[in-house]
C-alpha atoms as a PDB file:
ATOM      1  CA  MET A   1     102.935 101.491 119.424  1.00  0.00           C
ATOM      2  CA  LYS A   2     100.816 104.527 120.599  1.00  0.00           C
ATOM      3  CA  ASP A   3      98.419 106.212 117.896  1.00  0.00           C
ATOM      4  CA  THR A   4     100.697 108.814 115.907  1.00  0.00           C
ATOM      5  CA  ILE A   5     101.163 111.296 112.608  1.00  0.00           C
ATOM      6  CA  ILE A   6     103.958 112.902 111.542  1.00  0.00           C
ATOM      7  CA  ARG A   7     105.017 115.560 109.617  1.00  0.00           C
ATOM      8  CA  GLY A   8     107.586 116.322 107.870  1.00  0.00           C
ATOM      9  CA  MET A   9     109.603 117.065 104.745  1.00  0.00           C
ATOM     10  CA  ALA A  10     112.237 114.985 102.456  1.00  0.00           C
ATOM     11  CA  ALA A  11     114.665 115.384  99.938  1.00  0.00           C
ATOM     12  CA  ASN A  12     115.431 119.175  99.536  1.00  0.00           C
ATOM     13  CA  ASN A  13     112.310 120.409 100.787  1.00  0.00           C
ATOM     14  CA  GLN A  14     110.891 118.697  97.319  1.00  0.00           C
ATOM     15  CA  VAL A  15     108.325 116.291  99.259  1.00  0.00           C
ATOM     16  CA  ARG A  16     106.136 116.691 102.047  1.00  0.00           C
ATOM     17  CA  PHE A  17     104.683 114.149 104.295  1.00  0.00           C
ATOM     18  CA  PHE A  18     101.935 112.498 106.903  1.00  0.00           C
ATOM     19  CA  CYS A  19     102.837 109.493 108.225  1.00  0.00           C
ATOM     20  CA  ALA A  20     100.216 107.793 110.749  1.00  0.00           C
ATOM     21  CA  TYR A  21      99.695 104.953 112.906  1.00  0.00           C
ATOM     22  CA  THR A  22      96.231 105.089 114.177  1.00  0.00           C
ATOM     23  CA  LYS A  23      95.122 101.619 115.592  1.00  0.00           C
ATOM     24  CA  GLU A  24      93.717 102.931 118.825  1.00  0.00           C
ATOM     25  CA  VAL A  25      91.234 105.305 116.918  1.00  0.00           C
ATOM     26  CA  VAL A  26      90.424 102.297 114.368  1.00  0.00           C
ATOM     27  CA  GLU A  27      89.280  99.508 117.469  1.00  0.00           C
ATOM     28  CA  THR A  28      87.066 102.747 119.138  1.00  0.00           C
ATOM     29  CA  ALA A  29      85.307 102.761 116.304  1.00  0.00           C
ATOM     30  CA  ARG A  30      84.945  98.792 115.596  1.00  0.00           C
ATOM     31  CA  LEU A  31      83.966  98.970 119.111  1.00  0.00           C
ATOM     32  CA  LEU A  32      80.655 102.043 118.841  1.00  0.00           C
ATOM     33  CA  HIS A  33      79.820 100.700 115.685  1.00  0.00           C
ATOM     34  CA  ASN A  34      80.424  97.079 115.842  1.00  0.00           C
ATOM     35  CA  THR A  35      81.480  96.824 112.761  1.00  0.00           C
ATOM     36  CA  SER A  36      82.017  93.626 110.583  1.00  0.00           C
ATOM     37  CA  PRO A  37      85.772  92.616 109.619  1.00  0.00           C
ATOM     38  CA  VAL A  38      85.528  94.224 106.126  1.00  0.00           C
ATOM     39  CA  ALA A  39      83.939  96.883 107.306  1.00  0.00           C
ATOM     40  CA  THR A  40      86.471  98.280 110.105  1.00  0.00           C
ATOM     41  CA  ALA A  41      89.027  98.028 107.635  1.00  0.00           C
ATOM     42  CA  ALA A  42      87.200 100.206 105.315  1.00  0.00           C
ATOM     43  CA  LEU A  43      86.053 102.958 108.094  1.00  0.00           C
ATOM     44  CA  GLY A  44      89.800 102.560 109.298  1.00  0.00           C
ATOM     45  CA  ARG A  45      91.332 103.348 105.974  1.00  0.00           C
ATOM     46  CA  LEU A  46      88.681 106.322 106.034  1.00  0.00           C
ATOM     47  CA  LEU A  47      89.185 107.483 109.108  1.00  0.00           C
ATOM     48  CA  THR A  48      92.791 107.074 108.912  1.00  0.00           C
ATOM     49  CA  ALA A  49      92.793 109.003 106.192  1.00  0.00           C
ATOM     50  CA  GLY A  50      90.102 111.742 107.821  1.00  0.00           C
ATOM     51  CA  SER A  51      93.149 111.906 110.112  1.00  0.00           C
ATOM     52  CA  ILE A  52      95.675 113.112 108.156  1.00  0.00           C
ATOM     53  CA  MET A  53      93.920 115.109 106.650  1.00  0.00           C
ATOM     54  CA  GLY A  54      92.672 117.102 109.198  1.00  0.00           C
ATOM     55  CA  SER A  55      96.595 117.450 110.468  1.00  0.00           C
ATOM     56  CA  MET A  56      97.086 119.168 107.092  1.00  0.00           C
ATOM     57  CA  CYS A  57      94.828 121.947 107.951  1.00  0.00           C
ATOM     58  CA  LYS A  58      95.640 125.743 108.513  1.00  0.00           C
ATOM     59  CA  ASN A  59      93.304 126.695 110.622  1.00  0.00           C
ATOM     60  CA  ASP A  60      92.402 125.078 114.354  1.00  0.00           C
ATOM     61  CA  THR A  61      89.071 125.881 113.700  1.00  0.00           C
ATOM     62  CA  ASP A  62      88.822 124.326 109.857  1.00  0.00           C
ATOM     63  CA  ILE A  63      86.635 120.826 109.961  1.00  0.00           C
ATOM     64  CA  LEU A  64      87.055 118.203 107.209  1.00  0.00           C
ATOM     65  CA  THR A  65      84.432 115.511 105.513  1.00  0.00           C
ATOM     66  CA  LEU A  66      85.221 112.912 103.564  1.00  0.00           C
ATOM     67  CA  GLN A  67      82.142 111.192 102.787  1.00  0.00           C
ATOM     68  CA  ILE A  68      81.217 108.047  99.839  1.00  0.00           C
ATOM     69  CA  GLN A  69      78.378 107.628  98.247  1.00  0.00           C
ATOM     70  CA  CYS A  70      78.629 103.907  96.358  1.00  0.00           C
ATOM     71  CA  SER A  71      76.201 101.203  95.033  1.00  0.00           C
ATOM     72  CA  GLY A  72      79.039  98.759  97.281  1.00  0.00           C
ATOM     73  CA  PRO A  73      76.434  96.856  99.961  1.00  0.00           C
ATOM     74  CA  ILE A  74      78.720  99.176 102.491  1.00  0.00           C
ATOM     75  CA  GLY A  75      76.195 101.113 101.883  1.00  0.00           C
ATOM     76  CA  GLY A  76      78.079 104.386 102.293  1.00  0.00           C
ATOM     77  CA  LEU A  77      80.667 106.353 104.224  1.00  0.00           C
ATOM     78  CA  THR A  78      81.380 109.402 106.489  1.00  0.00           C
ATOM     79  CA  VAL A  79      84.299 110.357 108.415  1.00  0.00           C
ATOM     80  CA  THR A  80      84.910 113.898 109.802  1.00  0.00           C
ATOM     81  CA  SER A  81      88.599 115.544 111.291  1.00  0.00           C
ATOM     82  CA  ASP A  82      89.808 118.752 112.730  1.00  0.00           C
ATOM     83  CA  ALA A  83      92.843 120.114 112.578  1.00  0.00           C
ATOM     84  CA  ASN A  84      93.655 118.691 116.465  1.00  0.00           C
ATOM     85  CA  ALA A  85      93.270 115.424 114.129  1.00  0.00           C
ATOM     86  CA  ARG A  86      90.299 114.449 116.248  1.00  0.00           C
ATOM     87  CA  VAL A  87      88.491 112.289 114.010  1.00  0.00           C
ATOM     88  CA  LYS A  88      84.821 110.306 113.753  1.00  0.00           C
ATOM     89  CA  GLY A  89      82.657 108.386 111.629  1.00  0.00           C
ATOM     90  CA  TYR A  90      80.482 105.825 110.766  1.00  0.00           C
ATOM     91  CA  VAL A  91      79.501 103.796 108.004  1.00  0.00           C
ATOM     92  CA  ASN A  92      75.594 103.281 106.326  1.00  0.00           C
ATOM     93  CA  ASN A  93      76.104  99.026 106.908  1.00  0.00           C
ATOM     94  CA  PRO A  94      78.143  98.078 109.517  1.00  0.00           C
ATOM     95  CA  LYS A  95      77.205  94.551 109.271  1.00  0.00           C
ATOM     96  CA  VAL A  96      78.436  94.219 105.453  1.00  0.00           C
ATOM     97  CA  MET A  97      79.923  90.007 105.341  1.00  0.00           C
ATOM     98  CA  LEU A  98      81.991  89.363 102.062  1.00  0.00           C
ATOM     99  CA  PRO A  99      83.935  86.461 101.322  1.00  0.00           C
ATOM    100  CA  PRO A 100      88.169  87.500 100.745  1.00  0.00           C
ATOM    101  CA  SER A 101      89.251  88.574  97.689  1.00  0.00           C
ATOM    102  CA  LYS A 102      91.222  86.944  95.157  1.00  0.00           C
ATOM    103  CA  LYS A 103      94.132  87.829  97.417  1.00  0.00           C
ATOM    104  CA  GLY A 104      92.547  85.844 100.502  1.00  0.00           C
ATOM    105  CA  LYS A 105      92.366  89.322 101.937  1.00  0.00           C
ATOM    106  CA  LEU A 106      89.063  91.538 103.551  1.00  0.00           C
ATOM    107  CA  ASP A 107      87.302  92.248  99.524  1.00  0.00           C
ATOM    108  CA  VAL A 108      86.973  96.876 100.774  1.00  0.00           C
ATOM    109  CA  GLY A 109      86.749  97.035  96.928  1.00  0.00           C
ATOM    110  CA  LYS A 110      84.033  95.262  96.373  1.00  0.00           C
ATOM    111  CA  ALA A 111      82.188  96.054  99.699  1.00  0.00           C
ATOM    112  CA  VAL A 112      82.212  99.942  98.520  1.00  0.00           C
ATOM    113  CA  ASP A 113      82.582  98.955  94.938  1.00  0.00           C
ATOM    114  CA  LEU A 114      81.367 102.422  92.562  1.00  0.00           C
ATOM    115  CA  GLY A 115      80.580 105.738  93.226  1.00  0.00           C
ATOM    116  CA  VAL A 116      81.823 109.182  94.457  1.00  0.00           C
ATOM    117  CA  LEU A 117      84.120 110.680  97.173  1.00  0.00           C
ATOM    118  CA  SER A 118      83.109 113.842  98.457  1.00  0.00           C
ATOM    119  CA  VAL A 119      86.007 115.970 100.051  1.00  0.00           C
ATOM    120  CA  ILE A 120      84.315 119.263 102.335  1.00  0.00           C
ATOM    121  CA  LYS A 121      86.570 121.281 103.368  1.00  0.00           C
ATOM    122  CA  ASP A 122      84.618 124.039 105.844  1.00  0.00           C
ATOM    123  CA  ILE A 123      87.107 127.137 106.790  1.00  0.00           C
ATOM    124  CA  GLY A 124      85.353 129.489 107.548  1.00  0.00           C
ATOM    125  CA  LEU A 125      83.754 131.157 104.593  1.00  0.00           C
ATOM    126  CA  LYS A 126      79.942 131.450 103.606  1.00  0.00           C
ATOM    127  CA  GLU A 127      79.952 128.101 102.304  1.00  0.00           C
ATOM    128  CA  PRO A 128      82.037 125.440 102.254  1.00  0.00           C
ATOM    129  CA  TYR A 129      84.523 124.135  99.340  1.00  0.00           C
ATOM    130  CA  ILE A 130      83.648 120.728  98.677  1.00  0.00           C
ATOM    131  CA  GLY A 131      85.766 118.601  95.709  1.00  0.00           C
ATOM    132  CA  GLN A 132      84.888 115.542  93.813  1.00  0.00           C
ATOM    133  CA  SER A 133      86.053 112.070  92.168  1.00  0.00           C
ATOM    134  CA  ASN A 134      84.584 109.302  90.694  1.00  0.00           C
ATOM    135  CA  LEU A 135      85.747 106.188  92.928  1.00  0.00           C
ATOM    136  CA  VAL A 136      88.280 104.023  91.181  1.00  0.00           C
ATOM    137  CA  SER A 137      88.885 100.805  93.051  1.00  0.00           C
ATOM    138  CA  GLY A 138      86.736 101.133  96.492  1.00  0.00           C
ATOM    139  CA  GLU A 139      89.815 100.369  98.129  1.00  0.00           C
ATOM    140  CA  ILE A 140      89.619 104.139  99.412  1.00  0.00           C
ATOM    141  CA  ALA A 141      93.572 104.899  99.381  1.00  0.00           C
ATOM    142  CA  GLU A 142      93.681 104.628  95.755  1.00  0.00           C
ATOM    143  CA  ASP A 143      90.759 106.909  95.280  1.00  0.00           C
ATOM    144  CA  LEU A 144      92.214 109.716  97.270  1.00  0.00           C
ATOM    145  CA  THR A 145      95.196 109.678  94.851  1.00  0.00           C
ATOM    146  CA  TYR A 146      93.090 109.545  92.359  1.00  0.00           C
ATOM    147  CA  TYR A 147      90.826 112.735  94.100  1.00  0.00           C
ATOM    148  CA  PHE A 148      94.268 114.804  94.869  1.00  0.00           C
ATOM    149  CA  ALA A 149      95.552 114.541  91.179  1.00  0.00           C
ATOM    150  CA  THR A 150      91.925 115.693  89.583  1.00  0.00           C
ATOM    151  CA  SER A 151      90.639 117.979  92.063  1.00  0.00           C
ATOM    152  CA  GLU A 152      93.413 119.869  93.297  1.00  0.00           C
ATOM    153  CA  GLN A 153      96.063 119.439  91.027  1.00  0.00           C
ATOM    154  CA  ILE A 154      98.846 117.771  93.635  1.00  0.00           C
ATOM    155  CA  PRO A 155     100.579 114.786  92.418  1.00  0.00           C
ATOM    156  CA  THR A 156     100.353 112.480  95.902  1.00  0.00           C
ATOM    157  CA  SER A 157     100.648 109.071  96.742  1.00  0.00           C
ATOM    158  CA  VAL A 158      98.432 107.889  99.600  1.00  0.00           C
ATOM    159  CA  ALA A 159      99.001 103.933 101.005  1.00  0.00           C
ATOM    160  CA  LEU A 160      95.908 103.020 103.942  1.00  0.00           C
ATOM    161  CA  GLY A 161      95.914 100.038 106.150  1.00  0.00           C
ATOM    162  CA  VAL A 162      93.852  98.192 108.154  1.00  0.00           C
ATOM    163  CA  LEU A 163      95.495  94.899 109.750  1.00  0.00           C
ATOM    164  CA  MET A 164      92.501  92.667 111.659  1.00  0.00           C
ATOM    165  CA  GLU A 165      93.221  89.938 114.374  1.00  0.00           C
ATOM    166  CA  LYS A 166      92.167  86.404 113.846  1.00  0.00           C
ATOM    167  CA  ASP A 167      88.847  87.308 117.145  1.00  0.00           C
ATOM    168  CA  ASN A 168      88.306  90.581 115.196  1.00  0.00           C
ATOM    169  CA  THR A 169      89.638  93.158 116.909  1.00  0.00           C
ATOM    170  CA  VAL A 170      92.030  95.654 115.117  1.00  0.00           C
ATOM    171  CA  LYS A 171      96.143  94.161 115.116  1.00  0.00           C
ATOM    172  CA  HIS A 172      97.309  97.584 113.281  1.00  0.00           C
ATOM    173  CA  ALA A 173      95.939 100.730 111.605  1.00  0.00           C
ATOM    174  CA  GLY A 174      97.651 103.282 109.646  1.00  0.00           C
ATOM    175  CA  GLY A 175      98.823 105.190 106.612  1.00  0.00           C
ATOM    176  CA  PHE A 176     100.478 108.119 104.234  1.00  0.00           C
ATOM    177  CA  ILE A 177     100.203 110.491 102.333  1.00  0.00           C
ATOM    178  CA  ILE A 178     103.457 111.541 100.605  1.00  0.00           C
ATOM    179  CA  GLN A 179     102.976 114.925  98.111  1.00  0.00           C
ATOM    180  CA  MET A 180     105.712 116.655  95.620  1.00  0.00           C
ATOM    181  CA  MET A 181     106.136 120.182  95.685  1.00  0.00           C
ATOM    182  CA  PRO A 182     105.468 121.789  92.544  1.00  0.00           C
ATOM    183  CA  PHE A 183     109.561 122.571  91.954  1.00  0.00           C
ATOM    184  CA  ALA A 184     110.099 118.479  92.862  1.00  0.00           C
ATOM    185  CA  GLU A 185     112.751 117.487  89.928  1.00  0.00           C
ATOM    186  CA  GLU A 186     111.263 114.666  87.611  1.00  0.00           C
ATOM    187  CA  ALA A 187     114.683 112.581  88.552  1.00  0.00           C
ATOM    188  CA  LEU A 188     113.251 112.748  92.324  1.00  0.00           C
ATOM    189  CA  ILE A 189     109.386 112.147  91.156  1.00  0.00           C
ATOM    190  CA  SER A 190     110.689 108.945  88.781  1.00  0.00           C
ATOM    191  CA  ASP A 191     112.683 107.108  92.048  1.00  0.00           C
ATOM    192  CA  LEU A 192     109.923 108.086  94.105  1.00  0.00           C
ATOM    193  CA  GLU A 193     107.508 106.165  91.810  1.00  0.00           C
ATOM    194  CA  GLU A 194     109.659 103.212  91.621  1.00  0.00           C
ATOM    195  CA  ARG A 195     110.484 102.767  95.580  1.00  0.00           C
ATOM    196  CA  LEU A 196     106.205 103.140  96.786  1.00  0.00           C
ATOM    197  CA  LYS A 197     105.473 100.456  94.642  1.00  0.00           C
ATOM    198  CA  ASP A 198     107.132  98.159  97.011  1.00  0.00           C
ATOM    199  CA  PHE A 199     105.483  99.873  99.825  1.00  0.00           C
ATOM    200  CA  THR A 200     101.908  98.410  97.829  1.00  0.00           C
ATOM    201  CA  SER A 201     101.026  96.879 101.347  1.00  0.00           C
ATOM    202  CA  ILE A 202     101.548  99.245 104.460  1.00  0.00           C
ATOM    203  CA  THR A 203     100.232  96.926 106.790  1.00  0.00           C
ATOM    204  CA  ALA A 204     102.834  94.276 106.161  1.00  0.00           C
ATOM    205  CA  LEU A 205     105.738  97.492 107.495  1.00  0.00           C
ATOM    206  CA  MET A 206     103.718  97.389 110.480  1.00  0.00           C
ATOM    207  CA  GLU A 207     103.291  94.033 111.419  1.00  0.00           C
ATOM    208  CA  GLN A 208     107.782  94.700 111.180  1.00  0.00           C
ATOM    209  CA  GLY A 209     107.186  96.832 113.705  1.00  0.00           C
ATOM    210  CA  MET A 210     108.282  99.472 111.468  1.00  0.00           C
ATOM    211  CA  SER A 211     106.719 102.974 112.649  1.00  0.00           C
ATOM    212  CA  PRO A 212     105.599 106.583 110.794  1.00  0.00           C
ATOM    213  CA  ALA A 213     109.154 107.643 111.056  1.00  0.00           C
ATOM    214  CA  ASP A 214     109.990 103.982 110.452  1.00  0.00           C
ATOM    215  CA  MET A 215     108.562 104.021 107.556  1.00  0.00           C
ATOM    216  CA  MET A 216     109.490 107.281 105.760  1.00  0.00           C
ATOM    217  CA  GLN A 217     112.751 106.261 107.253  1.00  0.00           C
ATOM    218  CA  LYS A 218     112.508 103.483 104.370  1.00  0.00           C
ATOM    219  CA  LEU A 219     110.640 105.496 101.422  1.00  0.00           C
ATOM    220  CA  PHE A 220     113.408 108.029 101.535  1.00  0.00           C
ATOM    221  CA  HIS A 221     116.923 105.929 102.348  1.00  0.00           C
ATOM    222  CA  ASN A 222     119.374 107.863 100.872  1.00  0.00           C
ATOM    223  CA  TYR A 223     117.311 111.754 100.722  1.00  0.00           C
ATOM    224  CA  ASP A 224     117.534 114.251 103.930  1.00  0.00           C
ATOM    225  CA  ILE A 225     114.510 113.525 105.708  1.00  0.00           C
ATOM    226  CA  VAL A 226     113.178 116.512 108.464  1.00  0.00           C
ATOM    227  CA  ILE A 227     110.735 115.481 110.944  1.00  0.00           C
ATOM    228  CA  ASN A 228     109.122 119.263 111.168  1.00  0.00           C
ATOM    229  CA  ASP A 229     106.169 117.954 114.224  1.00  0.00           C
ATOM    230  CA  THR A 230     103.572 114.846 115.725  1.00  0.00           C
ATOM    231  CA  ILE A 231     100.219 115.353 116.563  1.00  0.00           C
ATOM    232  CA  THR A 232      97.589 112.513 118.265  1.00  0.00           C
ATOM    233  CA  PRO A 233      95.159 111.171 115.967  1.00  0.00           C
ATOM    234  CA  HIS A 234      91.533 110.515 118.937  1.00  0.00           C
ATOM    235  CA  TYR A 235      88.877 109.580 117.568  1.00  0.00           C
ATOM    236  CA  HIS A 236      86.074 111.960 119.408  1.00  0.00           C
ATOM    237  CA  CYS A 237      82.516 112.647 119.272  1.00  0.00           C
ATOM    238  CA  ASP A 238      81.960 115.998 119.981  1.00  0.00           C
ATOM    239  CA  CYS A 239      77.945 115.771 120.367  1.00  0.00           C
ATOM    240  CA  SER A 240      75.890 116.125 123.120  1.00  0.00           C
ATOM    241  CA  LYS A 241      72.270 116.761 124.195  1.00  0.00           C
ATOM    242  CA  GLN A 242      72.545 120.887 123.087  1.00  0.00           C
ATOM    243  CA  ARG A 243      73.156 120.530 120.039  1.00  0.00           C
ATOM    244  CA  VAL A 244      71.104 117.519 119.539  1.00  0.00           C
ATOM    245  CA  TYR A 245      68.366 120.004 120.899  1.00  0.00           C
ATOM    246  CA  SER A 246      68.942 122.555 118.232  1.00  0.00           C
ATOM    247  CA  ALA A 247      69.160 119.770 115.838  1.00  0.00           C
ATOM    248  CA  VAL A 248      65.918 118.779 116.625  1.00  0.00           C
ATOM    249  CA  MET A 249      63.967 122.128 116.687  1.00  0.00           C
ATOM    250  CA  SER A 250      65.530 122.865 113.662  1.00  0.00           C
ATOM    251  CA  ILE A 251      62.886 120.039 111.723  1.00  0.00           C
ATOM    252  CA  GLY A 252      60.456 122.371 111.433  1.00  0.00           C
ATOM    253  CA  THR A 253      56.917 123.447 113.265  1.00  0.00           C
ATOM    254  CA  ASN A 254      55.033 120.720 111.472  1.00  0.00           C
ATOM    255  CA  ASP A 255      56.581 117.746 112.935  1.00  0.00           C
ATOM    256  CA  LEU A 256      57.541 119.097 115.704  1.00  0.00           C
ATOM    257  CA  GLU A 257      53.025 119.675 116.365  1.00  0.00           C
ATOM    258  CA  GLU A 258      52.842 115.616 115.391  1.00  0.00           C
ATOM    259  CA  MET A 259      55.344 114.361 117.478  1.00  0.00           C
ATOM    260  CA  ILE A 260      53.844 116.126 120.455  1.00  0.00           C
ATOM    261  CA  ALA A 261      50.340 115.055 119.472  1.00  0.00           C
ATOM    262  CA  ASP A 262      52.015 111.172 119.821  1.00  0.00           C
ATOM    263  CA  GLY A 263      52.437 111.957 123.287  1.00  0.00           C
ATOM    264  CA  LYS A 264      55.479 110.540 123.876  1.00  0.00           C
ATOM    265  CA  PRO A 265      59.553 110.807 124.241  1.00  0.00           C
ATOM    266  CA  ILE A 266      61.490 110.835 120.964  1.00  0.00           C
ATOM    267  CA  GLU A 267      64.816 109.015 120.592  1.00  0.00           C
ATOM    268  CA  VAL A 268      67.991 110.610 118.809  1.00  0.00           C
ATOM    269  CA  CYS A 269      70.684 108.906 118.383  1.00  0.00           C
ATOM    270  CA  CYS A 270      74.626 109.850 117.123  1.00  0.00           C
ATOM    271  CA  HIS A 271      75.700 108.416 113.862  1.00  0.00           C
ATOM    272  CA  PHE A 272      79.291 109.358 115.006  1.00  0.00           C
ATOM    273  CA  CYS A 273      79.265 107.469 118.532  1.00  0.00           C
ATOM    274  CA  ASN A 274      75.337 105.884 118.709  1.00  0.00           C
ATOM    275  CA  LYS A 275      74.768 107.690 121.678  1.00  0.00           C
ATOM    276  CA  ASN A 276      71.233 108.066 122.162  1.00  0.00           C
ATOM    277  CA  TYR A 277      69.130 111.248 123.509  1.00  0.00           C
ATOM    278  CA  VAL A 278      66.408 111.429 124.857  1.00  0.00           C
ATOM    279  CA  PHE A 279      63.659 114.352 124.778  1.00  0.00           C
ATOM    280  CA  ASP A 280      60.233 114.196 126.563  1.00  0.00           C
ATOM    281  CA  VAL A 281      56.956 116.192 125.447  1.00  0.00           C
ATOM    282  CA  ASP A 282      57.472 118.742 127.680  1.00  0.00           C
ATOM    283  CA  GLU A 283      60.840 119.293 126.196  1.00  0.00           C
ATOM    284  CA  LEU A 284      58.894 119.045 122.865  1.00  0.00           C
ATOM    285  CA  LYS A 285      56.936 121.836 123.649  1.00  0.00           C
ATOM    286  CA  ALA A 286      59.396 124.443 124.781  1.00  0.00           C
ATOM    287  CA  MET A 287      60.951 123.578 121.276  1.00  0.00           C
ATOM    288  CA  LEU A 288      57.693 124.902 119.291  1.00  0.00           C
ATOM    289  CA  SER A 289      57.168 127.662 121.743  1.00  0.00           C
ATOM    290  CA  ARG A 290      60.817 128.590 120.886  1.00  0.00           C
END
């Protein structure tokens, strides 16, 4: 199954849904960052959410960032996406190792623990919009559900999952975001709440071979459903030497002078793709002169 995001409406347009399969996105991140299984699961969940939420943006130039600052041993996570579901991300401690949870699963909640979730939307205004909420479980899907309810006042259900192979590669990854429209009937809301209880493990559905469309057909069985479009998420880092050059130049005259005085090239690593950029002394002098 190829990576894809479907977007649509259900129940006479009372619900909108976004459902994604993101195995290649998450496996690419695992390879780039050489993450441990629990770090892969945590980052994979946030990458999936980021790709979906990016696809919810209205303009091609909009940029969405999900950032988790936490007390757990994973140290924090950052994911950035755009309206074309091009997504990238990293964890502060990619090597974190923890014993399985009581249910025998990767203990993402323990790895993340307490903290704050920030949703940053750069939509071309002078200042980006920043919404924040406390983490309620560290499991990420529940934390995003809580964020939508408290910061955006939108009744939302978020499910995210990453299933690993025995060799620690990614077997399946995906998730969905379901949102009720303001005019949704109470009977529909109650019915979907009951149905969603059976969707606690989205990885089990993916393991059964269900596509995003299959999962939404199952969830909205006996309701009308319309898939409006599909989009392919990609792990994409847009770093370049020119962009890093500009970032280094912005650190200030004193720091640049100290680097030049050392007489050695400096190396800058991109957090999102681990690509290294080297700047020699002559390049640093050129930055200083500018």
